[in-house]
Amino acid sequence: MPDFKDMLKYFRMRYGPSQSELAKKLGISPSTISMYEVGQREPDFETEEAIADFFNTDLNTLRGRDVEQPPYYFDKDASTAAQFLYE
């Protein structure tokens, strides 16, 4: 089951903001986002809630609870090509 750091990176990669862009929107430093994504630091509740709001998701999903495993391929074309090669 994915945890917060995995889900944060998944959502950031899926929706496209860089660590710096996300940090600026949240009013925190880019290094803080980096530390969240590698699991060296956990956000406080207010920051976690702001991240969930930014990505328009709920806290359970952001925390990796009650979610399906994120897709292996972030890019739809790569997923289609891999499926084609598999078949």
N, C-alpha and C. Protein backbone atom coordinates (compact mmCIF):
# COMPACT_ATOMS: atom_id res chain seq x y z
N MET A 1 0.85 -1.18 0.00
CA MET A 1 0.00 0.00 0.00
C MET A 1 0.90 1.24 0.00
N PRO A 2 0.61 2.21 -0.86
CA PRO A 2 1.43 3.42 -0.91
C PRO A 2 1.23 4.25 0.35
N ASP A 3 2.22 5.04 0.69
CA ASP A 3 2.08 5.94 1.83
C ASP A 3 2.13 7.39 1.34
N PHE A 4 2.14 8.32 2.29
CA PHE A 4 2.05 9.74 1.95
C PHE A 4 3.11 10.16 0.93
N LYS A 5 4.37 9.79 1.16
CA LYS A 5 5.44 10.23 0.28
C LYS A 5 5.22 9.75 -1.16
N ASP A 6 4.75 8.52 -1.31
CA ASP A 6 4.49 7.97 -2.64
C ASP A 6 3.32 8.68 -3.31
N MET A 7 2.27 8.95 -2.55
CA MET A 7 1.09 9.59 -3.11
C MET A 7 1.37 11.05 -3.46
N LEU A 8 2.15 11.73 -2.65
CA LEU A 8 2.51 13.11 -2.96
C LEU A 8 3.26 13.17 -4.29
N LYS A 9 4.24 12.31 -4.45
CA LYS A 9 5.00 12.30 -5.69
C LYS A 9 4.10 11.91 -6.87
N TYR A 10 3.22 10.94 -6.66
CA TYR A 10 2.30 10.51 -7.71
C TYR A 10 1.44 11.69 -8.17
N PHE A 11 0.81 12.38 -7.22
CA PHE A 11 -0.05 13.50 -7.59
C PHE A 11 0.75 14.63 -8.24
N ARG A 12 1.93 14.90 -7.72
CA ARG A 12 2.74 15.98 -8.31
C ARG A 12 3.14 15.64 -9.73
N MET A 13 3.55 14.41 -9.97
CA MET A 13 3.93 14.00 -11.32
C MET A 13 2.71 13.97 -12.25
N ARG A 14 1.59 13.55 -11.73
CA ARG A 14 0.38 13.44 -12.55
C ARG A 14 -0.14 14.81 -12.98
N TYR A 15 -0.11 15.78 -12.07
CA TYR A 15 -0.66 17.09 -12.37
C TYR A 15 0.38 18.10 -12.83
N GLY A 16 1.66 17.76 -12.72
CA GLY A 16 2.71 18.53 -13.36
C GLY A 16 3.45 19.63 -12.64
N PRO A 17 3.06 20.06 -11.44
CA PRO A 17 3.86 21.14 -10.85
C PRO A 17 5.22 20.61 -10.39
N SER A 18 6.23 21.45 -10.54
CA SER A 18 7.54 21.08 -10.01
C SER A 18 7.49 21.20 -8.49
N GLN A 19 8.52 20.72 -7.83
CA GLN A 19 8.58 20.85 -6.37
C GLN A 19 8.56 22.33 -6.00
N SER A 20 9.27 23.16 -6.76
CA SER A 20 9.31 24.60 -6.48
C SER A 20 7.94 25.25 -6.66
N GLU A 21 7.23 24.88 -7.73
CA GLU A 21 5.91 25.46 -7.97
C GLU A 21 4.93 25.06 -6.88
N LEU A 22 4.95 23.79 -6.50
CA LEU A 22 4.06 23.33 -5.44
C LEU A 22 4.40 24.03 -4.12
N ALA A 23 5.66 24.12 -3.82
CA ALA A 23 6.09 24.77 -2.58
C ALA A 23 5.62 26.23 -2.54
N LYS A 24 5.75 26.93 -3.65
CA LYS A 24 5.34 28.34 -3.72
C LYS A 24 3.84 28.46 -3.47
N LYS A 25 3.04 27.57 -4.08
CA LYS A 25 1.58 27.61 -3.89
C LYS A 25 1.20 27.34 -2.44
N LEU A 26 1.99 26.49 -1.76
CA LEU A 26 1.68 26.11 -0.37
C LEU A 26 2.34 27.02 0.66
N GLY A 27 3.27 27.88 0.20
CA GLY A 27 3.96 28.78 1.12
C GLY A 27 5.01 28.09 1.97
N ILE A 28 5.64 27.07 1.40
CA ILE A 28 6.72 26.37 2.09
C ILE A 28 7.93 26.29 1.16
N SER A 29 9.04 25.80 1.64
CA SER A 29 10.25 25.75 0.82
C SER A 29 10.27 24.51 -0.09
N PRO A 30 10.92 24.63 -1.25
CA PRO A 30 11.05 23.46 -2.13
C PRO A 30 11.75 22.29 -1.45
N SER A 31 12.70 22.58 -0.57
CA SER A 31 13.40 21.48 0.11
C SER A 31 12.46 20.71 1.03
N THR A 32 11.44 21.39 1.54
CA THR A 32 10.45 20.71 2.38
C THR A 32 9.66 19.71 1.54
N ILE A 33 9.25 20.12 0.34
CA ILE A 33 8.55 19.20 -0.56
C ILE A 33 9.45 18.00 -0.87
N SER A 34 10.70 18.27 -1.14
CA SER A 34 11.66 17.20 -1.43
C SER A 34 11.76 16.22 -0.26
N MET A 35 11.84 16.76 0.95
CA MET A 35 11.93 15.89 2.13
C MET A 35 10.66 15.09 2.33
N TYR A 36 9.49 15.68 2.02
CA TYR A 36 8.24 14.92 2.09
C TYR A 36 8.27 13.74 1.12
N GLU A 37 8.75 14.00 -0.10
CA GLU A 37 8.73 12.96 -1.14
C GLU A 37 9.70 11.82 -0.89
N VAL A 38 10.76 12.05 -0.13
CA VAL A 38 11.69 10.96 0.16
C VAL A 38 11.46 10.36 1.55
N GLY A 39 10.46 10.90 2.26
CA GLY A 39 10.10 10.34 3.56
C GLY A 39 10.96 10.79 4.71
N GLN A 40 11.71 11.87 4.54
CA GLN A 40 12.55 12.37 5.63
C GLN A 40 11.77 13.27 6.57
N ARG A 41 10.60 13.68 6.14
CA ARG A 41 9.80 14.61 6.94
C ARG A 41 8.33 14.38 6.63
N GLU A 42 7.46 14.61 7.61
CA GLU A 42 6.01 14.51 7.44
C GLU A 42 5.41 15.90 7.65
N PRO A 43 4.39 16.25 6.88
CA PRO A 43 3.77 17.56 7.05
C PRO A 43 2.88 17.61 8.28
N ASP A 44 2.67 18.81 8.79
CA ASP A 44 1.67 18.96 9.85
C ASP A 44 0.29 18.84 9.21
N PHE A 45 -0.74 18.77 10.05
CA PHE A 45 -2.09 18.54 9.54
C PHE A 45 -2.54 19.63 8.57
N GLU A 46 -2.25 20.89 8.90
CA GLU A 46 -2.69 21.99 8.05
C GLU A 46 -2.03 21.93 6.67
N THR A 47 -0.76 21.59 6.63
CA THR A 47 -0.04 21.48 5.35
C THR A 47 -0.56 20.29 4.57
N GLU A 48 -0.79 19.20 5.25
CA GLU A 48 -1.32 18.00 4.59
C GLU A 48 -2.70 18.30 3.98
N GLU A 49 -3.52 19.04 4.70
CA GLU A 49 -4.84 19.43 4.22
C GLU A 49 -4.71 20.37 3.00
N ALA A 50 -3.75 21.29 3.04
CA ALA A 50 -3.53 22.20 1.92
C ALA A 50 -3.07 21.44 0.67
N ILE A 51 -2.24 20.42 0.87
CA ILE A 51 -1.78 19.60 -0.26
C ILE A 51 -2.97 18.84 -0.85
N ALA A 52 -3.80 18.26 -0.01
CA ALA A 52 -4.98 17.54 -0.49
C ALA A 52 -5.90 18.48 -1.26
N ASP A 53 -6.10 19.69 -0.74
CA ASP A 53 -6.94 20.67 -1.44
C ASP A 53 -6.33 21.06 -2.77
N PHE A 54 -5.02 21.25 -2.81
CA PHE A 54 -4.35 21.63 -4.05
C PHE A 54 -4.59 20.60 -5.14
N PHE A 55 -4.52 19.32 -4.77
CA PHE A 55 -4.70 18.25 -5.75
C PHE A 55 -6.16 17.77 -5.84
N ASN A 56 -7.05 18.46 -5.13
CA ASN A 56 -8.47 18.14 -5.16
C ASN A 56 -8.73 16.67 -4.83
N THR A 57 -8.14 16.24 -3.73
CA THR A 57 -8.33 14.87 -3.26
C THR A 57 -8.60 14.91 -1.76
N ASP A 58 -8.96 13.78 -1.19
CA ASP A 58 -9.20 13.74 0.25
C ASP A 58 -7.96 13.25 0.99
N LEU A 59 -7.95 13.46 2.28
CA LEU A 59 -6.78 13.09 3.08
C LEU A 59 -6.53 11.59 3.08
N ASN A 60 -7.56 10.77 3.08
CA ASN A 60 -7.34 9.33 3.06
C ASN A 60 -6.60 8.90 1.80
N THR A 61 -6.98 9.47 0.68
CA THR A 61 -6.29 9.14 -0.57
C THR A 61 -4.84 9.62 -0.52
N LEU A 62 -4.64 10.85 -0.06
CA LEU A 62 -3.29 11.40 0.03
C LEU A 62 -2.42 10.58 0.98
N ARG A 63 -3.01 10.02 2.00
CA ARG A 63 -2.27 9.19 2.96
C ARG A 63 -2.09 7.76 2.48
N GLY A 64 -2.67 7.43 1.32
CA GLY A 64 -2.51 6.09 0.77
C GLY A 64 -3.50 5.08 1.30
N ARG A 65 -4.54 5.53 1.93
CA ARG A 65 -5.58 4.64 2.45
C ARG A 65 -6.72 4.55 1.45
N ASP A 66 -7.30 3.39 1.33
CA ASP A 66 -8.46 3.21 0.46
C ASP A 66 -8.22 3.68 -0.97
N VAL A 67 -7.05 3.38 -1.50
CA VAL A 67 -6.77 3.77 -2.88
C VAL A 67 -6.22 2.57 -3.62
N GLU A 68 -6.43 2.59 -4.90
CA GLU A 68 -5.80 1.58 -5.73
C GLU A 68 -4.34 1.98 -5.91
N GLN A 69 -3.52 1.02 -6.25
CA GLN A 69 -2.11 1.30 -6.52
C GLN A 69 -2.01 2.29 -7.68
N PRO A 70 -1.18 3.33 -7.56
CA PRO A 70 -1.03 4.26 -8.68
C PRO A 70 -0.59 3.52 -9.93
N PRO A 71 -0.98 4.00 -11.10
CA PRO A 71 -0.58 3.31 -12.32
C PRO A 71 0.94 3.27 -12.48
N TYR A 72 1.40 2.22 -13.13
CA TYR A 72 2.84 2.06 -13.34
C TYR A 72 3.36 3.13 -14.28
N TYR A 73 2.58 3.46 -15.30
CA TYR A 73 2.99 4.47 -16.28
C TYR A 73 2.19 5.74 -16.05
N PHE A 74 2.87 6.87 -15.91
CA PHE A 74 2.20 8.15 -15.76
C PHE A 74 1.71 8.65 -17.11
N ASP A 75 2.37 8.26 -18.18
CA ASP A 75 2.06 8.72 -19.52
C ASP A 75 1.16 7.71 -20.22
N LYS A 76 0.02 8.16 -20.73
CA LYS A 76 -0.93 7.26 -21.38
C LYS A 76 -0.32 6.60 -22.61
N ASP A 77 0.48 7.34 -23.41
CA ASP A 77 1.11 6.76 -24.60
C ASP A 77 2.07 5.63 -24.23
N ALA A 78 2.83 5.82 -23.16
CA ALA A 78 3.76 4.78 -22.72
C ALA A 78 2.98 3.55 -22.26
N SER A 79 1.87 3.76 -21.57
CA SER A 79 1.05 2.65 -21.13
C SER A 79 0.47 1.87 -22.32
N THR A 80 0.00 2.61 -23.31
CA THR A 80 -0.57 1.97 -24.51
C THR A 80 0.50 1.17 -25.26
N ALA A 81 1.69 1.76 -25.40
CA ALA A 81 2.78 1.07 -26.09
C ALA A 81 3.20 -0.20 -25.34
N ALA A 82 3.27 -0.11 -24.04
CA ALA A 82 3.66 -1.29 -23.24
C ALA A 82 2.61 -2.39 -23.37
N GLN A 83 1.35 -2.01 -23.36
CA GLN A 83 0.28 -3.01 -23.52
C GLN A 83 0.36 -3.65 -24.89
N PHE A 84 0.62 -2.84 -25.92
CA PHE A 84 0.76 -3.35 -27.28
C PHE A 84 1.92 -4.36 -27.36
N LEU A 85 3.06 -4.02 -26.80
CA LEU A 85 4.21 -4.90 -26.82
C LEU A 85 3.94 -6.19 -26.03
N TYR A 86 3.23 -6.07 -24.95
CA TYR A 86 2.89 -7.23 -24.14
C TYR A 86 2.02 -8.22 -24.92
N GLU A 87 1.03 -7.67 -25.62
CA GLU A 87 0.11 -8.52 -26.36
C GLU A 87 0.78 -9.07 -27.59
